[in-house]
Protein backbone atom coordinates (compact mmCIF):
# COMPACT_ATOMS: atom_id res chain seq x y z
CA MET A 1 11.93 -27.95 9.72
CA LEU A 2 10.50 -31.23 8.41
CA SER A 3 8.25 -31.11 5.35
CA ASP A 4 4.96 -32.98 4.95
CA HIS A 5 6.78 -35.55 2.83
CA LYS A 6 7.26 -38.79 4.77
CA ASN A 7 11.02 -39.11 4.89
CA TYR A 8 12.97 -42.15 6.10
CA ALA A 9 16.46 -42.60 7.46
CA TYR A 10 18.56 -45.72 7.99
CA LEU A 11 19.86 -46.38 11.50
CA HIS A 12 20.81 -49.50 13.48
CA GLY A 13 19.96 -51.74 10.51
CA GLU A 14 16.44 -50.39 10.10
CA PHE A 15 14.57 -47.78 8.08
CA VAL A 16 12.86 -45.38 10.45
CA PRO A 17 11.02 -42.07 10.01
CA LEU A 18 13.56 -39.26 9.93
CA GLU A 19 12.07 -37.64 13.03
CA ASN A 20 12.79 -40.87 14.97
CA ALA A 21 16.43 -41.20 13.89
CA TYR A 22 18.30 -40.52 17.14
CA LEU A 23 21.73 -41.33 18.51
CA HIS A 24 22.33 -41.83 22.22
CA VAL A 25 24.24 -39.11 24.06
CA SER A 26 27.11 -41.56 24.67
CA ASP A 27 27.97 -41.69 20.96
CA LEU A 28 31.49 -40.43 20.26
CA SER A 29 30.15 -38.15 17.53
CA ILE A 30 28.47 -36.23 20.35
CA GLN A 31 31.05 -36.75 23.09
CA ARG A 32 34.20 -36.08 21.00
CA GLY A 33 33.14 -35.19 17.47
CA TYR A 34 34.54 -38.53 16.26
CA GLY A 35 33.19 -39.88 13.02
CA ILE A 36 33.26 -39.68 9.24
CA PHE A 37 30.68 -39.08 6.54
CA ASP A 38 30.15 -38.74 2.84
CA PHE A 39 27.52 -37.07 0.73
CA PHE A 40 26.29 -37.58 -2.82
CA LYS A 41 23.62 -36.16 -5.08
CA VAL A 42 20.53 -37.91 -6.38
CA GLN A 43 19.18 -36.65 -9.69
CA GLU A 44 15.92 -37.99 -11.14
CA GLU A 45 16.10 -40.63 -8.37
CA ALA A 46 19.52 -41.83 -9.61
CA PRO A 47 22.67 -41.46 -7.45
CA LEU A 48 25.49 -39.67 -9.27
CA PHE A 49 29.05 -41.07 -9.27
CA LEU A 50 28.09 -43.44 -6.45
CA GLU A 51 31.10 -45.75 -6.81
CA HIS A 52 33.52 -42.91 -6.10
CA TYR A 53 31.62 -41.68 -3.04
CA ILE A 54 31.37 -45.16 -1.54
CA SER A 55 35.06 -45.76 -2.16
CA ARG A 56 35.96 -42.53 -0.38
CA PHE A 57 33.57 -43.36 2.48
CA PHE A 58 35.38 -46.65 3.13
CA GLN A 59 38.77 -44.94 2.81
CA SER A 60 37.77 -42.30 5.39
CA ALA A 61 36.52 -45.02 7.72
CA GLN A 62 39.80 -46.89 7.41
CA LEU A 63 41.85 -43.77 8.12
CA MET A 64 39.82 -43.18 11.29
CA GLY A 65 39.88 -46.82 12.41
CA LEU A 66 36.12 -47.24 12.07
CA PRO A 67 34.88 -50.58 10.64
CA VAL A 68 31.88 -50.08 8.35
CA PRO A 69 29.13 -52.50 9.48
CA LEU A 70 28.07 -53.19 5.87
CA SER A 71 30.04 -54.40 2.87
CA GLU A 72 30.17 -52.13 -0.20
CA GLU A 73 27.49 -54.23 -1.91
CA GLN A 74 25.30 -54.24 1.20
CA LEU A 75 25.69 -50.48 1.48
CA LYS A 76 24.65 -50.02 -2.16
CA ALA A 77 21.58 -52.20 -1.59
CA THR A 78 20.67 -50.24 1.55
CA LEU A 79 21.02 -46.93 -0.31
CA ALA A 80 18.85 -48.22 -3.16
CA GLU A 81 16.13 -49.23 -0.69
CA LEU A 82 16.27 -45.86 1.06
CA LEU A 83 15.95 -44.02 -2.26
CA GLN A 84 13.00 -46.22 -3.17
CA LYS A 85 11.27 -45.48 0.14
CA ASN A 86 11.80 -41.72 0.03
CA LYS A 87 11.22 -41.08 -3.68
CA LEU A 88 12.97 -37.72 -3.63
CA PRO A 89 13.98 -37.19 -7.28
CA ASN A 90 16.51 -34.39 -6.66
CA SER A 91 18.15 -34.65 -3.27
CA GLY A 92 21.28 -35.31 -1.26
CA VAL A 93 22.18 -38.45 0.69
CA LYS A 94 24.48 -38.31 3.70
CA MET A 95 26.18 -41.41 5.09
CA ILE A 96 27.52 -40.91 8.63
CA LEU A 97 29.66 -43.39 10.54
CA THR A 98 30.27 -42.53 14.19
CA GLY A 99 32.60 -43.76 16.92
CA GLY A 100 29.72 -45.61 18.57
CA TYR A 101 28.28 -45.67 22.06
CA SER A 102 31.35 -45.28 24.23
CA ALA A 103 31.30 -46.62 27.79
CA ASN A 104 33.68 -43.94 29.03
CA GLY A 105 33.12 -41.16 26.49
CA TYR A 106 36.53 -41.72 24.89
CA ASP A 107 37.13 -45.29 23.75
CA PRO A 108 35.47 -46.20 20.42
CA ALA A 109 32.74 -48.82 20.38
CA ALA A 110 30.76 -50.49 17.60
CA PRO A 111 30.25 -47.72 15.01
CA ASN A 112 26.79 -46.41 14.26
CA LEU A 113 25.83 -46.02 10.60
CA LEU A 114 23.23 -43.34 9.89
CA ILE A 115 21.99 -42.52 6.38
CA THR A 116 19.66 -39.63 5.62
CA GLN A 117 18.18 -38.21 2.42
CA GLN A 118 16.78 -34.70 2.11
CA ALA A 119 15.99 -32.04 -0.47
CA LEU A 120 18.99 -30.29 -1.97
CA THR A 121 19.67 -26.64 -2.79
CA LEU A 122 22.05 -25.98 -5.68
CA PRO A 123 23.58 -22.68 -6.87
CA THR A 124 21.21 -20.55 -8.93
CA GLN A 125 21.99 -19.17 -12.37
CA GLU A 126 22.22 -15.75 -10.73
CA GLN A 127 24.87 -16.96 -8.27
CA VAL A 128 26.91 -18.47 -11.08
CA ALA A 129 26.62 -15.33 -13.20
CA ARG A 130 27.61 -13.13 -10.25
CA GLY A 131 30.31 -15.37 -8.77
CA ILE A 132 31.21 -15.48 -5.10
CA LYS A 133 33.53 -13.59 -2.77
CA ILE A 134 35.82 -15.41 -0.38
CA ILE A 135 38.24 -14.67 2.43
CA THR A 136 41.32 -16.63 3.50
CA HIS A 137 42.30 -18.05 6.89
CA GLU A 138 45.42 -19.85 8.10
CA TYR A 139 44.44 -23.38 9.04
CA VAL A 140 45.10 -26.98 7.96
CA ARG A 141 42.43 -29.58 8.55
CA GLU A 142 43.47 -32.64 10.56
CA LEU A 143 43.64 -35.82 8.45
CA PRO A 144 42.74 -34.02 5.20
CA LEU A 145 42.27 -37.26 3.24
CA ALA A 146 39.49 -38.33 5.61
CA LYS A 147 36.05 -36.74 5.34
CA THR A 148 35.48 -36.35 9.06
CA ILE A 149 32.53 -34.74 10.81
CA ASN A 150 34.80 -32.14 12.43
CA TYR A 151 33.87 -28.81 10.83
CA SER A 152 34.52 -26.71 13.93
CA MET A 153 36.82 -24.19 12.23
CA GLY A 154 34.57 -23.62 9.23
CA ILE A 155 31.53 -23.12 11.43
CA ARG A 156 33.42 -20.84 13.81
CA LEU A 157 34.48 -18.65 10.88
CA LEU A 158 30.95 -18.19 9.55
CA GLN A 159 30.54 -14.96 11.52
CA GLU A 160 33.74 -13.51 10.07
CA VAL A 161 32.78 -14.56 6.55
CA LYS A 162 29.45 -12.79 6.94
CA ALA A 163 31.00 -9.71 8.60
CA ARG A 164 33.35 -9.31 5.64
CA GLN A 165 30.45 -9.70 3.21
CA ALA A 166 31.91 -12.85 1.73
CA ASP A 167 30.51 -16.27 0.89
CA ASP A 168 33.18 -18.73 2.05
CA VAL A 169 36.66 -19.10 3.53
CA LEU A 170 39.72 -20.64 1.88
CA TYR A 171 42.30 -22.29 4.13
CA HIS A 172 46.03 -21.82 3.73
CA HIS A 173 49.16 -22.58 5.73
CA GLY A 174 52.05 -20.13 5.50
CA GLY A 175 50.58 -18.81 2.28
CA VAL A 176 50.18 -22.29 0.75
CA VAL A 177 46.53 -22.79 -0.20
CA THR A 178 44.70 -26.02 0.62
CA GLU A 179 40.89 -26.14 0.51
CA PHE A 180 37.59 -24.70 1.66
CA PRO A 181 35.70 -26.27 4.57
CA ARG A 182 33.43 -28.05 2.09
CA SER A 183 34.98 -27.51 -1.35
CA ASN A 184 38.13 -27.79 -3.43
CA PHE A 185 39.93 -24.84 -5.04
CA PHE A 186 41.07 -24.27 -8.64
CA LEU A 187 42.66 -21.38 -10.48
CA LEU A 188 43.63 -20.62 -14.06
CA THR A 189 47.04 -19.06 -14.50
CA GLN A 190 47.81 -16.23 -16.91
CA ASP A 191 49.25 -18.79 -19.36
CA ASN A 192 46.05 -20.88 -19.22
CA VAL A 193 47.23 -23.70 -16.97
CA LEU A 194 44.51 -25.07 -14.70
CA VAL A 195 45.94 -25.62 -11.22
CA THR A 196 44.58 -27.18 -8.02
CA PRO A 197 46.30 -27.89 -4.66
CA ALA A 198 47.81 -31.37 -4.47
CA GLN A 199 48.46 -31.85 -0.75
CA GLU A 200 46.56 -31.48 2.55
CA VAL A 201 43.22 -31.58 0.73
CA LEU A 202 40.24 -33.90 0.56
CA LEU A 203 40.16 -35.55 -2.85
CA GLY A 204 36.72 -34.41 -3.91
CA VAL A 205 34.69 -36.44 -6.40
CA THR A 206 33.69 -33.26 -8.24
CA ARG A 207 37.36 -32.23 -8.18
CA ARG A 208 38.18 -35.55 -9.83
CA ASN A 209 35.50 -35.08 -12.50
CA VAL A 210 36.60 -31.54 -13.29
CA LEU A 211 40.23 -32.64 -13.58
CA GLU A 212 39.24 -35.35 -16.05
CA LEU A 213 37.19 -32.90 -18.12
CA ALA A 214 39.90 -30.25 -18.04
CA ARG A 215 42.69 -32.61 -19.10
CA GLN A 216 40.93 -33.16 -22.41
CA GLN A 217 41.46 -29.53 -23.42
CA TYR A 218 43.87 -27.71 -21.08
CA GLN A 219 47.19 -28.16 -19.41
CA VAL A 220 46.43 -29.26 -15.84
CA GLN A 221 48.66 -29.33 -12.77
CA GLU A 222 48.09 -30.70 -9.28
CA ARG A 223 50.75 -28.85 -7.29
CA THR A 224 51.49 -26.32 -4.59
CA VAL A 225 49.27 -23.23 -4.89
CA THR A 226 50.02 -20.01 -3.03
CA LEU A 227 48.15 -16.85 -2.16
CA GLU A 228 50.47 -15.08 -4.60
CA ASP A 229 49.27 -17.44 -7.34
CA ILE A 230 45.71 -16.32 -6.61
CA ALA A 231 46.72 -12.67 -6.85
CA GLN A 232 48.05 -13.36 -10.36
CA ALA A 233 45.26 -15.69 -11.49
CA ARG A 234 43.13 -15.23 -14.58
CA GLU A 235 40.22 -17.20 -13.08
CA ALA A 236 39.36 -19.04 -9.88
CA PHE A 237 36.57 -21.35 -8.82
CA MET A 238 35.51 -23.91 -6.23
CA THR A 239 34.16 -27.41 -6.78
CA SER A 240 31.97 -29.64 -4.63
CA THR A 241 29.01 -31.99 -4.83
CA THR A 242 26.55 -29.21 -4.04
CA LYS A 243 28.42 -26.23 -5.55
CA ARG A 244 29.41 -28.04 -8.77
CA VAL A 245 31.72 -25.42 -10.34
CA LEU A 246 31.21 -22.00 -8.75
CA PRO A 247 33.19 -18.96 -9.95
CA ILE A 248 35.24 -16.95 -7.44
CA VAL A 249 35.47 -13.27 -8.33
CA GLU A 250 37.01 -11.75 -5.19
CA VAL A 251 39.55 -12.89 -2.59
CA ASP A 252 40.12 -10.89 0.60
CA GLY A 253 38.51 -7.83 -0.97
CA LYS A 254 40.61 -7.95 -4.15
CA PRO A 255 39.12 -8.94 -7.52
CA VAL A 256 40.29 -12.02 -9.36
CA ASN A 257 41.44 -10.57 -12.69
CA ASP A 258 38.50 -8.42 -13.87
CA GLY A 259 36.22 -9.54 -11.05
CA LYS A 260 33.89 -11.54 -13.31
CA PRO A 261 33.32 -15.28 -13.82
CA GLY A 262 35.77 -16.50 -16.46
CA PRO A 263 34.97 -18.41 -19.67
CA VAL A 264 36.99 -21.50 -18.72
CA THR A 265 35.15 -21.77 -15.40
CA LEU A 266 31.77 -21.48 -17.09
CA GLN A 267 32.74 -23.96 -19.79
CA LEU A 268 33.81 -26.54 -17.21
CA LEU A 269 30.52 -26.03 -15.38
CA GLU A 270 28.56 -26.75 -18.56
CA GLN A 271 30.63 -29.84 -19.23
CA LEU A 272 30.12 -31.07 -15.67
CA LEU A 273 26.37 -30.60 -16.04
CA GLU A 274 26.49 -32.67 -19.23
CA LEU A 275 28.46 -35.38 -17.42
CA GLU A 276 25.89 -35.44 -14.62
CA GLN A 277 23.07 -35.65 -17.16
CA LYS A 278 24.75 -38.61 -18.83
CA GLN A 279 25.07 -40.39 -15.47
CA PHE A 280 21.37 -40.64 -14.75
CA ILE A 281 20.40 -41.20 -18.40
CA ASP A 282 22.75 -44.18 -18.59
């Protein structure tokens, strides 16, 4: 539901009211689910870690064979103008690049670039203190290095996640863990090594930031992670733009260690918050 706040989107080279931002039915995002996107946070009207998100956006576009209609500098200028028009101090911005208006519903055409900005919901202190419960499912996302708009599996599994009284689903393949539909996965081993999957995952910007923070104080490994590793873990958590660092306390009905958020997880969350604060102050 739209709020009373006058919100603008960018589409076809123009800024239009959000309620007027439409794509034609021939677009390949509708016909075939073909497109990519990226998403970043705005805090006190300042975009956080923008360079990394733009870089990944262009990388995803390249992997999918979609030319971005703006240069990186033009895209930054367009984003700045959109933020100025909307004046939403704490929000999320989504950049979507689609396969374009296809003449036959299959062949790509000139890509459509759509940018929206809307209010953002972040985890509460209660959620962090409680931690989340997850389930696992065998699946590997196609083209993991590209942030595509295809979230069919994650959406299809929402009913099962809810039925099992969980909060999210972690993908694995033959017991080798990869990622969540919208987040990266970390665990802390019994000998205090922080580990995250290295292959078949989207290289999240928050994942990158957490790795940099962690390397200053812990042994860190990007490697193969298995379901058995989770069963033996001291701590586990997910990272994403909107989740930040969110503790995982239960996997497939079994507690992670003592079933409580761990001190390393909570410390990394505090350090990430400090890093975010420094971004918009600078």
